[in-house]
N, C-alpha and C. Protein backbone atom coordinates (compact mmCIF):
# COMPACT_ATOMS: atom_id res chain seq x y z
N MET A 1 -4.13 -26.47 17.52
CA MET A 1 -4.72 -25.44 16.76
C MET A 1 -5.05 -26.23 15.52
N SER A 2 -6.35 -26.35 14.93
CA SER A 2 -6.58 -26.82 13.56
C SER A 2 -6.85 -25.79 12.58
N VAL A 3 -6.41 -26.17 11.40
CA VAL A 3 -6.47 -25.16 10.32
C VAL A 3 -7.52 -25.75 9.25
N MET A 4 -8.33 -24.86 8.91
CA MET A 4 -9.28 -25.44 7.91
C MET A 4 -8.80 -25.56 6.60
N PRO A 5 -9.36 -26.70 6.04
CA PRO A 5 -8.65 -27.00 4.72
C PRO A 5 -9.25 -25.86 3.74
N ARG A 6 -8.18 -25.56 2.90
CA ARG A 6 -8.70 -24.48 1.70
C ARG A 6 -9.48 -25.31 0.68
N ALA A 7 -10.73 -24.43 0.24
CA ALA A 7 -11.45 -25.11 -0.76
C ALA A 7 -10.81 -25.11 -2.24
N ALA A 8 -11.06 -25.97 -3.00
CA ALA A 8 -10.50 -25.93 -4.35
C ALA A 8 -10.68 -24.57 -5.09
N SER A 9 -9.78 -24.16 -5.62
CA SER A 9 -10.16 -22.74 -6.58
C SER A 9 -11.18 -22.94 -7.63
N ARG A 10 -11.95 -21.96 -7.94
CA ARG A 10 -12.93 -22.02 -8.94
C ARG A 10 -12.47 -20.93 -9.88
N LEU A 11 -11.17 -20.31 -9.88
CA LEU A 11 -10.84 -19.16 -10.70
C LEU A 11 -10.70 -19.81 -12.18
N ASP A 12 -10.85 -21.02 -12.41
CA ASP A 12 -10.73 -21.36 -13.86
C ASP A 12 -12.09 -21.03 -14.56
N ARG A 13 -13.13 -20.54 -13.72
CA ARG A 13 -14.41 -20.17 -14.39
C ARG A 13 -14.37 -18.56 -14.71
N ILE A 14 -13.24 -17.98 -14.44
CA ILE A 14 -13.10 -16.62 -14.78
C ILE A 14 -12.26 -16.30 -16.02
N THR A 15 -12.58 -15.84 -16.98
CA THR A 15 -11.76 -15.69 -18.22
C THR A 15 -11.66 -14.22 -18.70
N VAL A 16 -10.65 -14.06 -19.33
CA VAL A 16 -10.44 -12.63 -20.15
C VAL A 16 -10.06 -13.00 -21.39
N ASP A 17 -10.89 -12.15 -22.27
CA ASP A 17 -10.76 -12.37 -23.68
C ASP A 17 -10.92 -10.88 -24.06
N PRO A 18 -9.88 -10.37 -24.99
CA PRO A 18 -10.00 -8.82 -25.43
C PRO A 18 -11.43 -8.89 -26.30
N SER A 19 -11.90 -9.92 -26.92
CA SER A 19 -13.05 -9.57 -27.78
C SER A 19 -14.55 -9.70 -27.02
N VAL A 20 -14.33 -10.09 -25.68
CA VAL A 20 -15.47 -10.11 -24.93
C VAL A 20 -15.35 -9.12 -23.56
N LEU A 21 -16.31 -8.16 -23.48
CA LEU A 21 -16.38 -7.12 -22.60
C LEU A 21 -15.11 -6.25 -22.59
N HIS A 22 -14.32 -6.05 -23.72
CA HIS A 22 -13.22 -5.26 -23.79
C HIS A 22 -11.99 -5.67 -22.81
N GLY A 23 -12.14 -7.13 -22.54
CA GLY A 23 -10.91 -7.80 -21.88
C GLY A 23 -11.19 -7.75 -20.35
N LYS A 24 -12.35 -7.26 -19.81
CA LYS A 24 -12.61 -7.33 -18.37
C LYS A 24 -12.88 -8.84 -17.94
N PRO A 25 -12.46 -9.04 -16.74
CA PRO A 25 -12.73 -10.36 -16.25
C PRO A 25 -14.21 -10.90 -16.37
N ALA A 26 -14.46 -11.93 -17.08
CA ALA A 26 -15.86 -12.35 -17.12
C ALA A 26 -16.06 -13.63 -16.51
N ILE A 27 -17.36 -14.03 -16.54
CA ILE A 27 -17.70 -15.45 -16.03
C ILE A 27 -17.79 -16.43 -17.11
N ARG A 28 -16.90 -17.33 -17.34
CA ARG A 28 -17.01 -18.42 -18.32
C ARG A 28 -17.13 -17.92 -19.77
N GLY A 29 -16.41 -16.81 -20.00
CA GLY A 29 -16.62 -16.10 -21.43
C GLY A 29 -18.07 -15.67 -21.72
N LEU A 30 -18.86 -15.67 -20.79
CA LEU A 30 -20.15 -15.02 -20.93
C LEU A 30 -19.95 -13.46 -21.07
N ARG A 31 -20.79 -12.85 -21.50
CA ARG A 31 -20.96 -11.20 -21.49
C ARG A 31 -21.66 -10.83 -20.14
N LEU A 32 -21.01 -11.34 -18.99
CA LEU A 32 -21.29 -10.86 -17.78
C LEU A 32 -20.14 -10.80 -16.64
N SER A 33 -19.65 -9.43 -16.53
CA SER A 33 -18.34 -9.51 -15.96
C SER A 33 -18.38 -9.73 -14.29
N VAL A 34 -17.26 -10.17 -13.87
CA VAL A 34 -17.16 -10.34 -12.47
C VAL A 34 -17.54 -9.13 -11.67
N GLN A 35 -17.21 -8.15 -12.22
CA GLN A 35 -17.72 -6.62 -11.41
C GLN A 35 -19.16 -6.66 -11.26
N SER A 36 -19.91 -6.89 -12.36
CA SER A 36 -21.26 -6.84 -12.40
C SER A 36 -21.86 -7.91 -11.31
N VAL A 37 -21.29 -9.19 -11.46
CA VAL A 37 -21.93 -10.21 -10.34
C VAL A 37 -21.59 -9.80 -8.89
N LEU A 38 -20.37 -9.02 -8.73
CA LEU A 38 -20.07 -8.80 -7.32
C LEU A 38 -21.03 -7.56 -6.83
N GLU A 39 -21.24 -6.83 -8.03
CA GLU A 39 -22.24 -5.56 -7.71
C GLU A 39 -23.68 -6.08 -7.30
N LEU A 40 -24.15 -7.15 -7.91
CA LEU A 40 -25.41 -7.67 -7.58
C LEU A 40 -25.30 -8.15 -6.44
N LEU A 41 -24.30 -9.15 -6.05
CA LEU A 41 -24.36 -9.56 -4.58
C LEU A 41 -24.30 -8.48 -3.61
N ALA A 42 -23.52 -7.34 -3.91
CA ALA A 42 -23.31 -6.42 -2.88
C ALA A 42 -24.58 -5.60 -2.79
N SER A 43 -25.36 -5.53 -3.64
CA SER A 43 -26.53 -4.82 -3.68
C SER A 43 -27.43 -5.45 -2.62
N GLY A 44 -27.37 -6.66 -2.30
CA GLY A 44 -28.07 -7.53 -1.32
C GLY A 44 -28.90 -8.49 -2.00
N MET A 45 -28.68 -8.65 -3.26
CA MET A 45 -29.42 -9.87 -3.96
C MET A 45 -28.68 -11.25 -3.36
N SER A 46 -29.51 -12.16 -3.20
CA SER A 46 -29.18 -13.58 -2.68
C SER A 46 -28.60 -14.20 -3.85
N PHE A 47 -28.02 -15.43 -3.53
CA PHE A 47 -27.56 -16.28 -4.80
C PHE A 47 -28.66 -16.64 -5.53
N ALA A 48 -29.86 -17.02 -4.97
CA ALA A 48 -31.09 -17.79 -5.58
C ALA A 48 -31.52 -16.65 -6.51
N GLU A 49 -31.47 -15.27 -6.05
CA GLU A 49 -32.22 -14.21 -6.85
C GLU A 49 -31.26 -13.80 -8.07
N VAL A 50 -29.90 -13.99 -8.03
CA VAL A 50 -29.13 -13.71 -9.11
C VAL A 50 -29.28 -14.81 -10.14
N LEU A 51 -29.23 -15.93 -9.58
CA LEU A 51 -29.49 -17.14 -10.28
C LEU A 51 -30.83 -17.21 -11.24
N ALA A 52 -31.88 -16.75 -10.52
CA ALA A 52 -32.94 -16.70 -11.15
C ALA A 52 -32.93 -15.69 -12.20
N ASP A 53 -32.51 -14.60 -12.17
CA ASP A 53 -32.20 -13.38 -13.12
C ASP A 53 -31.27 -13.70 -14.13
N TYR A 54 -30.26 -14.64 -13.81
CA TYR A 54 -29.47 -14.79 -14.98
C TYR A 54 -29.19 -16.47 -15.04
N PRO A 55 -30.19 -17.09 -15.79
CA PRO A 55 -30.15 -18.54 -15.76
C PRO A 55 -28.75 -19.19 -16.42
N ASP A 56 -28.06 -18.21 -17.16
CA ASP A 56 -26.76 -18.99 -17.72
C ASP A 56 -25.85 -19.14 -16.61
N LEU A 57 -26.00 -18.59 -15.46
CA LEU A 57 -25.11 -18.61 -14.31
C LEU A 57 -25.43 -19.79 -13.58
N GLN A 58 -24.24 -20.35 -12.89
CA GLN A 58 -24.25 -21.35 -11.86
C GLN A 58 -23.88 -21.07 -10.60
N ARG A 59 -24.23 -21.46 -9.43
CA ARG A 59 -23.88 -21.35 -8.21
C ARG A 59 -22.20 -21.37 -8.16
N GLU A 60 -21.42 -21.92 -8.72
CA GLU A 60 -20.18 -22.13 -8.75
C GLU A 60 -19.50 -20.65 -9.41
N ASP A 61 -20.25 -20.30 -10.34
CA ASP A 61 -19.84 -18.91 -10.91
C ASP A 61 -19.90 -17.73 -9.96
N LEU A 62 -20.69 -17.82 -9.01
CA LEU A 62 -20.97 -16.74 -7.94
C LEU A 62 -19.85 -16.85 -7.04
N LEU A 63 -19.60 -18.03 -6.60
CA LEU A 63 -18.38 -18.45 -5.63
C LEU A 63 -17.10 -18.04 -6.46
N ALA A 64 -17.03 -18.42 -7.76
CA ALA A 64 -15.67 -17.92 -8.54
C ALA A 64 -15.43 -16.50 -8.30
N ALA A 65 -16.62 -15.76 -8.63
CA ALA A 65 -16.55 -14.27 -8.62
C ALA A 65 -16.21 -13.65 -7.19
N LEU A 66 -16.75 -14.31 -6.36
CA LEU A 66 -16.31 -13.80 -4.79
C LEU A 66 -14.82 -14.32 -4.44
N GLU A 67 -14.51 -15.38 -5.07
CA GLU A 67 -12.98 -15.62 -4.84
C GLU A 67 -12.16 -14.74 -5.56
N TYR A 68 -12.46 -14.38 -6.58
CA TYR A 68 -11.66 -13.48 -7.40
C TYR A 68 -11.63 -11.93 -6.82
N GLY A 69 -12.81 -11.60 -6.37
CA GLY A 69 -12.84 -10.35 -5.77
C GLY A 69 -12.00 -10.15 -4.62
N ALA A 70 -12.04 -11.32 -3.56
CA ALA A 70 -11.38 -11.40 -2.50
C ALA A 70 -9.75 -11.45 -2.60
N LEU A 71 -9.33 -12.02 -3.63
CA LEU A 71 -7.85 -12.06 -4.02
C LEU A 71 -7.33 -10.85 -4.55
N VAL A 72 -8.17 -10.20 -5.49
CA VAL A 72 -7.85 -8.72 -5.97
C VAL A 72 -7.79 -7.88 -4.75
N ALA A 73 -8.90 -7.73 -3.88
CA ALA A 73 -8.95 -6.98 -2.79
C ALA A 73 -7.64 -7.07 -1.77
N GLY A 74 -7.04 -8.32 -1.87
CA GLY A 74 -5.92 -8.54 -1.02
C GLY A 74 -4.55 -8.40 -1.68
N GLY A 75 -4.79 -7.59 -2.95
CA GLY A 75 -3.65 -7.17 -3.62
C GLY A 75 -2.82 -8.14 -4.42
N GLN A 76 -3.61 -9.52 -4.70
CA GLN A 76 -2.79 -10.37 -5.45
C GLN A 76 -3.01 -10.23 -6.87
N GLN A 77 -1.98 -10.27 -7.69
CA GLN A 77 -2.10 -10.07 -9.17
C GLN A 77 -2.71 -11.48 -9.82
N LEU A 78 -3.59 -11.47 -10.50
CA LEU A 78 -4.52 -12.60 -11.05
C LEU A 78 -4.16 -12.49 -12.58
N TYR A 79 -4.06 -13.48 -13.31
CA TYR A 79 -4.08 -13.64 -14.59
C TYR A 79 -4.98 -14.71 -15.19
N PRO A 80 -6.29 -14.28 -15.18
CA PRO A 80 -7.44 -15.45 -15.80
C PRO A 80 -7.02 -15.90 -17.16
N SER A 81 -7.51 -17.16 -17.29
CA SER A 81 -7.20 -17.87 -18.60
C SER A 81 -8.05 -17.05 -19.65
N GLY A 82 -7.69 -17.26 -20.88
CA GLY A 82 -8.53 -16.80 -21.99
C GLY A 82 -9.67 -17.81 -22.26
N SER A 83 -10.71 -17.37 -23.15
CA SER A 83 -11.70 -18.03 -23.25
C SER A 83 -11.50 -19.20 -24.38
């Protein structure tokens, strides 16, 4: 049985700063919450559409939001870095 190698974590792109979005997890200290990014993707927007609408975002940011959401949904406690 082969095991797929785990990709490197992108969680360093998720920050929590009490002065940004009232301390909600955000993408790289931008005023865009992880929750907002996940909602955009859940609504059916493609990566390309989200990136076109939010030019400050990068593909790695979207993957970081998905990784964060998956870990939180799995019940893991996460402590993102400050900005």
